[in-house]
PDB file of N, CA and C in Angstrom:
ATOM      1  N   UNK A   1    -108.436  34.048 -72.664  1.00  0.00           N
ATOM      2  CA  UNK A   1    -109.117  34.919 -71.694  1.00  0.00           C
ATOM      3  C   UNK A   1    -108.724  34.586 -70.330  1.00  0.00           C
ATOM      4  N   UNK A   2    -108.321  35.636 -69.555  1.00  0.00           N
ATOM      5  CA  UNK A   2    -107.958  35.392 -68.213  1.00  0.00           C
ATOM      6  C   UNK A   2    -109.051  35.894 -67.243  1.00  0.00           C
ATOM      7  N   UNK A   3    -109.333  35.052 -66.302  1.00  0.00           N
ATOM      8  CA  UNK A   3    -110.341  35.386 -65.234  1.00  0.00           C
ATOM      9  C   UNK A   3    -109.669  35.462 -63.899  1.00  0.00           C
ATOM     10  N   UNK A   4    -109.921  36.557 -63.169  1.00  0.00           N
ATOM     11  CA  UNK A   4    -109.330  36.692 -61.966  1.00  0.00           C
ATOM     12  C   UNK A   4    -110.006  35.870 -60.856  1.00  0.00           C
ATOM     13  N   UNK A   5    -109.383  35.206 -60.074  1.00  0.00           N
ATOM     14  CA  UNK A   5    -109.873  34.352 -58.969  1.00  0.00           C
ATOM     15  C   UNK A   5    -110.073  35.247 -57.739  1.00  0.00           C
ATOM     16  N   UNK A   6    -111.294  35.785 -57.425  1.00  0.00           N
ATOM     17  CA  UNK A   6    -111.532  36.668 -56.341  1.00  0.00           C
ATOM     18  C   UNK A   6    -111.349  36.024 -54.997  1.00  0.00           C
ATOM     19  N   UNK A   7    -111.617  34.770 -54.844  1.00  0.00           N
ATOM     20  CA  UNK A   7    -111.516  33.942 -53.597  1.00  0.00           C
ATOM     21  C   UNK A   7    -109.999  34.064 -53.166  1.00  0.00           C
ATOM     22  N   UNK A   8    -109.225  33.797 -54.064  1.00  0.00           N
ATOM     23  CA  UNK A   8    -107.645  33.880 -53.738  1.00  0.00           C
ATOM     24  C   UNK A   8    -107.216  35.299 -53.285  1.00  0.00           C
ATOM     25  N   UNK A   9    -107.789  36.303 -54.050  1.00  0.00           N
ATOM     26  CA  UNK A   9    -107.501  37.727 -53.783  1.00  0.00           C
ATOM     27  C   UNK A   9    -108.046  38.038 -52.400  1.00  0.00           C
ATOM     28  N   UNK A  10    -109.184  37.619 -52.005  1.00  0.00           N
ATOM     29  CA  UNK A  10    -109.788  37.945 -50.712  1.00  0.00           C
ATOM     30  C   UNK A  10    -109.004  37.444 -49.566  1.00  0.00           C
ATOM     31  N   UNK A  11    -108.468  36.090 -49.832  1.00  0.00           N
ATOM     32  CA  UNK A  11    -107.782  35.363 -48.738  1.00  0.00           C
ATOM     33  C   UNK A  11    -106.350  35.845 -48.660  1.00  0.00           C
ATOM     34  N   UNK A  12    -105.648  36.100 -49.791  1.00  0.00           N
ATOM     35  CA  UNK A  12    -104.157  36.451 -49.721  1.00  0.00           C
ATOM     36  C   UNK A  12    -103.905  37.909 -50.167  1.00  0.00           C
ATOM     37  N   UNK A  13    -104.795  38.475 -50.878  1.00  0.00           N
ATOM     38  CA  UNK A  13    -104.475  39.840 -51.213  1.00  0.00           C
ATOM     39  C   UNK A  13    -103.687  39.897 -52.544  1.00  0.00           C
ATOM     40  N   UNK A  14    -103.407  38.849 -53.127  1.00  0.00           N
ATOM     41  CA  UNK A  14    -102.697  38.760 -54.402  1.00  0.00           C
ATOM     42  C   UNK A  14    -103.516  38.213 -55.478  1.00  0.00           C
ATOM     43  N   UNK A  15    -103.171  38.807 -56.610  1.00  0.00           N
ATOM     44  CA  UNK A  15    -104.056  38.448 -57.847  1.00  0.00           C
ATOM     45  C   UNK A  15    -103.582  37.062 -58.390  1.00  0.00           C
ATOM     46  N   UNK A  16    -104.612  36.305 -58.435  1.00  0.00           N
ATOM     47  CA  UNK A  16    -104.442  34.871 -59.239  1.00  0.00           C
ATOM     48  C   UNK A  16    -105.489  34.735 -60.121  1.00  0.00           C
ATOM     49  N   UNK A  17    -105.298  33.857 -61.172  1.00  0.00           N
ATOM     50  CA  UNK A  17    -106.149  33.694 -62.174  1.00  0.00           C
ATOM     51  C   UNK A  17    -106.773  32.202 -62.131  1.00  0.00           C
ATOM     52  N   UNK A  18    -107.970  32.204 -62.585  1.00  0.00           N
ATOM     53  CA  UNK A  18    -108.783  30.878 -62.655  1.00  0.00           C
ATOM     54  C   UNK A  18    -108.050  30.013 -63.620  1.00  0.00           C
ATOM     55  N   UNK A  19    -107.805  28.720 -63.175  1.00  0.00           N
ATOM     56  CA  UNK A  19    -107.174  27.737 -64.080  1.00  0.00           C
ATOM     57  C   UNK A  19    -108.070  26.574 -64.417  1.00  0.00           C
ATOM     58  N   UNK A  20    -109.270  26.691 -64.129  1.00  0.00           N
ATOM     59  CA  UNK A  20    -110.304  25.673 -64.393  1.00  0.00           C
ATOM     60  C   UNK A  20    -110.436  25.472 -65.907  1.00  0.00           C
ATOM     61  N   UNK A  21    -110.103  24.304 -66.428  1.00  0.00           N
ATOM     62  CA  UNK A  21    -110.129  24.071 -67.841  1.00  0.00           C
ATOM     63  C   UNK A  21    -111.549  24.180 -68.393  1.00  0.00           C
ATOM     64  N   UNK A  22    -112.557  23.824 -67.637  1.00  0.00           N
ATOM     65  CA  UNK A  22    -113.987  23.846 -68.114  1.00  0.00           C
ATOM     66  C   UNK A  22    -114.300  25.453 -68.258  1.00  0.00           C
ATOM     67  N   UNK A  23    -113.941  26.299 -67.399  1.00  0.00           N
ATOM     68  CA  UNK A  23    -114.353  27.674 -67.578  1.00  0.00           C
ATOM     69  C   UNK A  23    -113.381  28.360 -68.780  1.00  0.00           C
ATOM     70  N   UNK A  24    -112.233  27.987 -68.726  1.00  0.00           N
ATOM     71  CA  UNK A  24    -111.409  28.464 -69.879  1.00  0.00           C
ATOM     72  C   UNK A  24    -111.743  28.052 -71.226  1.00  0.00           C
ATOM     73  N   UNK A  25    -112.365  26.848 -71.344  1.00  0.00           N
ATOM     74  CA  UNK A  25    -112.724  26.236 -72.703  1.00  0.00           C
ATOM     75  C   UNK A  25    -113.818  26.896 -73.246  1.00  0.00           C
ATOM     76  N   UNK A  26    -114.538  27.719 -72.635  1.00  0.00           N
ATOM     77  CA  UNK A  26    -115.767  28.344 -73.163  1.00  0.00           C
ATOM     78  C   UNK A  26    -115.365  29.532 -74.085  1.00  0.00           C
ATOM     79  N   UNK A  27    -114.914  29.147 -75.326  1.00  0.00           N
ATOM     80  CA  UNK A  27    -114.465  30.145 -76.259  1.00  0.00           C
ATOM     81  C   UNK A  27    -115.652  30.864 -76.878  1.00  0.00           C
ATOM     82  N   UNK A  28    -116.862  30.323 -76.747  1.00  0.00           N
ATOM     83  CA  UNK A  28    -118.042  30.958 -77.408  1.00  0.00           C
ATOM     84  C   UNK A  28    -118.653  32.068 -76.601  1.00  0.00           C
ATOM     85  N   UNK A  29    -117.985  32.502 -75.490  1.00  0.00           N
ATOM     86  CA  UNK A  29    -118.424  33.590 -74.725  1.00  0.00           C
ATOM     87  C   UNK A  29    -118.629  34.912 -75.536  1.00  0.00           C
ATOM     88  N   UNK A  30    -117.656  35.226 -76.297  1.00  0.00           N
ATOM     89  CA  UNK A  30    -117.716  36.375 -77.159  1.00  0.00           C
ATOM     90  C   UNK A  30    -118.880  36.229 -78.178  1.00  0.00           C
ATOM     91  N   UNK A  31    -118.938  35.170 -78.757  1.00  0.00           N
ATOM     92  CA  UNK A  31    -120.139  34.888 -79.754  1.00  0.00           C
ATOM     93  C   UNK A  31    -121.522  35.018 -79.048  1.00  0.00           C
ATOM     94  N   UNK A  32    -121.598  34.423 -77.874  1.00  0.00           N
ATOM     95  CA  UNK A  32    -122.914  34.482 -77.080  1.00  0.00           C
ATOM     96  C   UNK A  32    -123.178  35.935 -76.775  1.00  0.00           C
ATOM     97  N   UNK A  33    -122.148  36.851 -76.345  1.00  0.00           N
ATOM     98  CA  UNK A  33    -122.496  38.224 -76.081  1.00  0.00           C
ATOM     99  C   UNK A  33    -122.820  38.968 -77.301  1.00  0.00           C
ATOM    100  N   UNK A  34    -122.165  38.649 -78.522  1.00  0.00           N
ATOM    101  CA  UNK A  34    -122.651  39.240 -79.761  1.00  0.00           C
ATOM    102  C   UNK A  34    -124.053  38.863 -80.073  1.00  0.00           C
ATOM    103  N   UNK A  35    -124.573  37.650 -79.917  1.00  0.00           N
ATOM    104  CA  UNK A  35    -125.846  37.318 -80.165  1.00  0.00           C
ATOM    105  C   UNK A  35    -126.858  38.051 -79.290  1.00  0.00           C
ATOM    106  N   UNK A  36    -126.455  38.165 -77.985  1.00  0.00           N
ATOM    107  CA  UNK A  36    -127.303  38.865 -77.051  1.00  0.00           C
ATOM    108  C   UNK A  36    -127.434  40.296 -77.456  1.00  0.00           C
ATOM    109  N   UNK A  37    -126.343  40.978 -77.804  1.00  0.00           N
ATOM    110  CA  UNK A  37    -126.307  42.426 -78.339  1.00  0.00           C
ATOM    111  C   UNK A  37    -127.132  42.554 -79.522  1.00  0.00           C
ATOM    112  N   UNK A  38    -127.061  41.621 -80.447  1.00  0.00           N
ATOM    113  CA  UNK A  38    -127.782  41.719 -81.676  1.00  0.00           C
ATOM    114  C   UNK A  38    -129.290  41.664 -81.266  1.00  0.00           C
ATOM    115  N   UNK A  39    -129.726  40.687 -80.532  1.00  0.00           N
ATOM    116  CA  UNK A  39    -131.080  40.641 -80.179  1.00  0.00           C
ATOM    117  C   UNK A  39    -131.601  41.929 -79.356  1.00  0.00           C
ATOM    118  N   UNK A  40    -130.793  42.464 -78.560  1.00  0.00           N
ATOM    119  CA  UNK A  40    -131.128  43.583 -77.712  1.00  0.00           C
ATOM    120  C   UNK A  40    -131.327  44.965 -78.615  1.00  0.00           C
ATOM    121  N   UNK A  41    -130.558  44.929 -79.720  1.00  0.00           N
ATOM    122  CA  UNK A  41    -130.542  46.081 -80.585  1.00  0.00           C
ATOM    123  C   UNK A  41    -131.721  46.028 -81.561  1.00  0.00           C
ATOM    124  N   UNK A  42    -132.395  44.920 -81.613  1.00  0.00           N
ATOM    125  CA  UNK A  42    -133.536  44.777 -82.561  1.00  0.00           C
ATOM    126  C   UNK A  42    -134.836  45.395 -82.036  1.00  0.00           C
ATOM    127  N   UNK A  43    -135.582  46.000 -82.824  1.00  0.00           N
ATOM    128  CA  UNK A  43    -136.908  46.481 -82.284  1.00  0.00           C
ATOM    129  C   UNK A  43    -137.836  45.402 -82.072  1.00  0.00           C
ATOM    130  N   UNK A  44    -138.819  45.715 -81.397  1.00  0.00           N
ATOM    131  CA  UNK A  44    -139.874  44.765 -81.038  1.00  0.00           C
ATOM    132  C   UNK A  44    -140.510  44.171 -82.330  1.00  0.00           C
ATOM    133  N   UNK A  45    -140.792  45.018 -83.198  1.00  0.00           N
ATOM    134  CA  UNK A  45    -141.350  44.550 -84.488  1.00  0.00           C
ATOM    135  C   UNK A  45    -140.379  43.615 -85.305  1.00  0.00           C
ATOM    136  N   UNK A  46    -139.059  43.932 -85.195  1.00  0.00           N
ATOM    137  CA  UNK A  46    -138.059  43.021 -85.821  1.00  0.00           C
ATOM    138  C   UNK A  46    -138.089  41.744 -85.080  1.00  0.00           C
ATOM    139  N   UNK A  47    -138.166  41.663 -83.822  1.00  0.00           N
ATOM    140  CA  UNK A  47    -138.125  40.413 -83.083  1.00  0.00           C
ATOM    141  C   UNK A  47    -139.361  39.523 -83.390  1.00  0.00           C
ATOM    142  N   UNK A  48    -140.539  40.226 -83.532  1.00  0.00           N
ATOM    143  CA  UNK A  48    -141.685  39.479 -83.830  1.00  0.00           C
ATOM    144  C   UNK A  48    -141.721  38.957 -85.320  1.00  0.00           C
ATOM    145  N   UNK A  49    -141.128  39.740 -86.250  1.00  0.00           N
ATOM    146  CA  UNK A  49    -141.002  39.358 -87.577  1.00  0.00           C
ATOM    147  C   UNK A  49    -140.067  38.199 -87.676  1.00  0.00           C
ATOM    148  N   UNK A  50    -138.989  38.258 -86.934  1.00  0.00           N
ATOM    149  CA  UNK A  50    -138.041  37.208 -87.120  1.00  0.00           C
ATOM    150  C   UNK A  50    -138.550  35.871 -86.553  1.00  0.00           C
ATOM    151  N   UNK A  51    -139.334  35.995 -85.412  1.00  0.00           N
ATOM    152  CA  UNK A  51    -139.918  34.711 -84.909  1.00  0.00           C
ATOM    153  C   UNK A  51    -141.087  34.191 -85.844  1.00  0.00           C
ATOM    154  N   UNK A  52    -141.810  35.093 -86.417  1.00  0.00           N
ATOM    155  CA  UNK A  52    -142.899  34.726 -87.287  1.00  0.00           C
ATOM    156  C   UNK A  52    -142.285  34.004 -88.591  1.00  0.00           C
ATOM    157  N   UNK A  53    -141.123  34.525 -89.092  1.00  0.00           N
ATOM    158  CA  UNK A  53    -140.503  33.828 -90.109  1.00  0.00           C
ATOM    159  C   UNK A  53    -140.116  32.408 -89.832  1.00  0.00           C
ATOM    160  N   UNK A  54    -139.484  32.345 -88.662  1.00  0.00           N
ATOM    161  CA  UNK A  54    -138.969  31.060 -88.164  1.00  0.00           C
ATOM    162  C   UNK A  54    -140.148  30.076 -87.878  1.00  0.00           C
ATOM    163  N   UNK A  55    -141.220  30.374 -87.433  1.00  0.00           N
ATOM    164  CA  UNK A  55    -142.279  29.586 -87.195  1.00  0.00           C
ATOM    165  C   UNK A  55    -142.915  29.064 -88.474  1.00  0.00           C
ATOM    166  N   UNK A  56    -143.065  30.002 -89.401  1.00  0.00           N
ATOM    167  CA  UNK A  56    -143.593  29.613 -90.725  1.00  0.00           C
ATOM    168  C   UNK A  56    -142.805  28.863 -91.706  1.00  0.00           C
ATOM    169  N   UNK A  57    -141.571  29.311 -91.720  1.00  0.00           N
ATOM    170  CA  UNK A  57    -140.599  28.855 -92.829  1.00  0.00           C
ATOM    171  C   UNK A  57    -139.410  28.061 -92.216  1.00  0.00           C
ATOM    172  N   UNK A  58    -139.180  28.015 -90.957  1.00  0.00           N
ATOM    173  CA  UNK A  58    -138.014  27.290 -90.312  1.00  0.00           C
ATOM    174  C   UNK A  58    -136.705  28.125 -90.633  1.00  0.00           C
ATOM    175  N   UNK A  59    -136.756  29.299 -91.130  1.00  0.00           N
ATOM    176  CA  UNK A  59    -135.588  30.055 -91.538  1.00  0.00           C
ATOM    177  C   UNK A  59    -135.751  31.517 -91.048  1.00  0.00           C
ATOM    178  N   UNK A  60    -134.726  32.186 -90.700  1.00  0.00           N
ATOM    179  CA  UNK A  60    -134.913  33.576 -90.286  1.00  0.00           C
ATOM    180  C   UNK A  60    -133.809  34.374 -91.120  1.00  0.00           C
ATOM    181  N   UNK A  61    -133.844  35.657 -90.778  1.00  0.00           N
ATOM    182  CA  UNK A  61    -132.834  36.578 -91.430  1.00  0.00           C
ATOM    183  C   UNK A  61    -131.543  36.638 -90.656  1.00  0.00           C
ATOM    184  N   UNK A  62    -131.547  36.436 -89.339  1.00  0.00           N
ATOM    185  CA  UNK A  62    -130.407  36.551 -88.414  1.00  0.00           C
ATOM    186  C   UNK A  62    -129.978  35.213 -87.899  1.00  0.00           C
ATOM    187  N   UNK A  63    -128.633  35.079 -87.589  1.00  0.00           N
ATOM    188  CA  UNK A  63    -128.189  33.876 -87.067  1.00  0.00           C
ATOM    189  C   UNK A  63    -128.129  33.918 -85.606  1.00  0.00           C
ATOM    190  N   UNK A  64    -129.268  34.013 -84.867  1.00  0.00           N
ATOM    191  CA  UNK A  64    -129.325  33.960 -83.417  1.00  0.00           C
ATOM    192  C   UNK A  64    -130.241  32.941 -83.058  1.00  0.00           C
ATOM    193  N   UNK A  65    -130.165  32.425 -81.913  1.00  0.00           N
ATOM    194  CA  UNK A  65    -131.021  31.342 -81.480  1.00  0.00           C
ATOM    195  C   UNK A  65    -132.413  31.756 -81.171  1.00  0.00           C
ATOM    196  N   UNK A  66    -133.427  30.902 -81.373  1.00  0.00           N
ATOM    197  CA  UNK A  66    -134.764  31.199 -80.995  1.00  0.00           C
ATOM    198  C   UNK A  66    -134.886  31.581 -79.584  1.00  0.00           C
ATOM    199  N   UNK A  67    -134.098  30.885 -78.690  1.00  0.00           N
ATOM    200  CA  UNK A  67    -134.220  31.252 -77.314  1.00  0.00           C
ATOM    201  C   UNK A  67    -133.879  32.679 -76.935  1.00  0.00           C
ATOM    202  N   UNK A  68    -132.884  33.181 -77.706  1.00  0.00           N
ATOM    203  CA  UNK A  68    -132.567  34.506 -77.371  1.00  0.00           C
ATOM    204  C   UNK A  68    -133.664  35.548 -77.805  1.00  0.00           C
ATOM    205  N   UNK A  69    -134.304  35.243 -78.949  1.00  0.00           N
ATOM    206  CA  UNK A  69    -135.423  36.013 -79.417  1.00  0.00           C
ATOM    207  C   UNK A  69    -136.538  35.981 -78.387  1.00  0.00           C
ATOM    208  N   UNK A  70    -136.913  34.899 -78.001  1.00  0.00           N
ATOM    209  CA  UNK A  70    -137.982  34.630 -77.002  1.00  0.00           C
ATOM    210  C   UNK A  70    -137.706  35.272 -75.708  1.00  0.00           C
ATOM    211  N   UNK A  71    -136.439  35.167 -75.225  1.00  0.00           N
ATOM    212  CA  UNK A  71    -136.130  35.710 -73.962  1.00  0.00           C
ATOM    213  C   UNK A  71    -136.242  37.275 -73.946  1.00  0.00           C
ATOM    214  N   UNK A  72    -135.755  37.930 -75.078  1.00  0.00           N
ATOM    215  CA  UNK A  72    -135.834  39.359 -75.128  1.00  0.00           C
ATOM    216  C   UNK A  72    -137.277  39.791 -75.292  1.00  0.00           C
ATOM    217  N   UNK A  73    -138.094  39.065 -76.030  1.00  0.00           N
ATOM    218  CA  UNK A  73    -139.461  39.424 -76.133  1.00  0.00           C
ATOM    219  C   UNK A  73    -140.194  39.340 -74.717  1.00  0.00           C
ATOM    220  N   UNK A  74    -139.841  38.288 -74.092  1.00  0.00           N
ATOM    221  CA  UNK A  74    -140.397  38.073 -72.679  1.00  0.00           C
ATOM    222  C   UNK A  74    -140.008  39.198 -71.749  1.00  0.00           C
ATOM    223  N   UNK A  75    -138.804  39.645 -71.751  1.00  0.00           N
ATOM    224  CA  UNK A  75    -138.426  40.761 -70.953  1.00  0.00           C
ATOM    225  C   UNK A  75    -139.085  41.967 -71.332  1.00  0.00           C
ATOM    226  N   UNK A  76    -139.308  42.216 -72.581  1.00  0.00           N
ATOM    227  CA  UNK A  76    -139.919  43.485 -72.944  1.00  0.00           C
ATOM    228  C   UNK A  76    -141.519  43.429 -72.567  1.00  0.00           C
ATOM    229  N   UNK A  77    -142.134  42.172 -72.684  1.00  0.00           N
ATOM    230  CA  UNK A  77    -143.421  41.969 -72.300  1.00  0.00           C
ATOM    231  C   UNK A  77    -143.627  42.304 -70.890  1.00  0.00           C
ATOM    232  N   UNK A  78    -142.696  41.712 -69.980  1.00  0.00           N
ATOM    233  CA  UNK A  78    -142.749  41.981 -68.502  1.00  0.00           C
ATOM    234  C   UNK A  78    -142.639  43.509 -68.245  1.00  0.00           C
ATOM    235  N   UNK A  79    -141.855  44.207 -68.918  1.00  0.00           N
ATOM    236  CA  UNK A  79    -141.599  45.579 -68.715  1.00  0.00           C
ATOM    237  C   UNK A  79    -142.870  46.375 -69.113  1.00  0.00           C
ATOM    238  N   UNK A  80    -143.523  45.984 -70.220  1.00  0.00           N
ATOM    239  CA  UNK A  80    -144.758  46.688 -70.714  1.00  0.00           C
ATOM    240  C   UNK A  80    -145.881  46.445 -69.667  1.00  0.00           C
ATOM    241  N   UNK A  81    -146.070  45.193 -69.239  1.00  0.00           N
ATOM    242  CA  UNK A  81    -147.019  44.828 -68.370  1.00  0.00           C
ATOM    243  C   UNK A  81    -146.876  45.604 -67.019  1.00  0.00           C
ATOM    244  N   UNK A  82    -145.699  45.661 -66.548  1.00  0.00           N
ATOM    245  CA  UNK A  82    -145.460  46.472 -65.324  1.00  0.00           C
ATOM    246  C   UNK A  82    -145.846  47.922 -65.375  1.00  0.00           C
ATOM    247  N   UNK A  83    -145.408  48.531 -66.474  1.00  0.00           N
ATOM    248  CA  UNK A  83    -145.793  49.984 -66.656  1.00  0.00           C
ATOM    249  C   UNK A  83    -147.277  50.191 -66.939  1.00  0.00           C
ATOM    250  N   UNK A  84    -147.898  49.217 -67.569  1.00  0.00           N
ATOM    251  CA  UNK A  84    -149.342  49.297 -67.753  1.00  0.00           C
ATOM    252  C   UNK A  84    -150.021  49.041 -66.313  1.00  0.00           C
ATOM    253  N   UNK A  85    -149.536  48.230 -65.597  1.00  0.00           N
ATOM    254  CA  UNK A  85    -150.168  47.903 -64.355  1.00  0.00           C
ATOM    255  C   UNK A  85    -150.012  49.236 -63.419  1.00  0.00           C
ATOM    256  N   UNK A  86    -148.898  49.827 -63.337  1.00  0.00           N
ATOM    257  CA  UNK A  86    -148.701  51.048 -62.531  1.00  0.00           C
ATOM    258  C   UNK A  86    -149.583  52.115 -63.050  1.00  0.00           C
ATOM    259  N   UNK A  87    -149.726  52.351 -64.397  1.00  0.00           N
ATOM    260  CA  UNK A  87    -150.552  53.395 -64.941  1.00  0.00           C
ATOM    261  C   UNK A  87    -151.985  53.087 -64.654  1.00  0.00           C
ATOM    262  N   UNK A  88    -152.461  51.928 -64.745  1.00  0.00           N
ATOM    263  CA  UNK A  88    -153.842  51.593 -64.557  1.00  0.00           C
ATOM    264  C   UNK A  88    -154.206  51.784 -63.069  1.00  0.00           C
ATOM    265  N   UNK A  89    -153.290  51.310 -62.174  1.00  0.00           N
ATOM    266  CA  UNK A  89    -153.576  51.397 -60.777  1.00  0.00           C
ATOM    267  C   UNK A  89    -153.576  52.964 -60.289  1.00  0.00           C
ATOM    268  N   UNK A  90    -152.682  53.691 -60.876  1.00  0.00           N
ATOM    269  CA  UNK A  90    -152.611  55.123 -60.491  1.00  0.00           C
ATOM    270  C   UNK A  90    -153.848  55.875 -61.058  1.00  0.00           C
ATOM    271  N   UNK A  91    -154.379  55.445 -62.219  1.00  0.00           N
ATOM    272  CA  UNK A  91    -155.538  56.163 -62.735  1.00  0.00           C
ATOM    273  C   UNK A  91    -156.867  55.634 -62.534  1.00  0.00           C
ATOM    274  N   UNK A  92    -156.972  54.599 -61.684  1.00  0.00           N
ATOM    275  CA  UNK A  92    -158.194  53.879 -61.272  1.00  0.00           C
ATOM    276  C   UNK A  92    -158.819  54.576 -60.173  1.00  0.00           C
ATOM    277  N   UNK A  93    -160.088  55.023 -60.270  1.00  0.00           N
ATOM    278  CA  UNK A  93    -160.724  55.623 -59.047  1.00  0.00           C
ATOM    279  C   UNK A  93    -161.296  54.480 -58.173  1.00  0.00           C
ATOM    280  N   UNK A  94    -161.167  54.894 -56.891  1.00  0.00           N
ATOM    281  CA  UNK A  94    -161.596  53.861 -55.923  1.00  0.00           C
ATOM    282  C   UNK A  94    -163.087  54.253 -55.391  1.00  0.00           C
TER     283      UNK A  94
END
């Protein structure tokens, strides 16, 4: 995987690539993105079911980290709370 070094481009106007071995050694980037996509494609019911299975039996149906499942549910919870807050504040009489 080649990563463009934008600092070099801003200074010289020439395209250069990052050569940091730590950045280039991260081969699991594609796998991480696949896991995030899998979790984002799941319905809320699927996320809850998957976490319930893992809590009760220590095994789930999908090969994604618990942290990904929890993060996605948290994001959805925040979005739902925000919409509910706006709806309640709009429809509350003063």
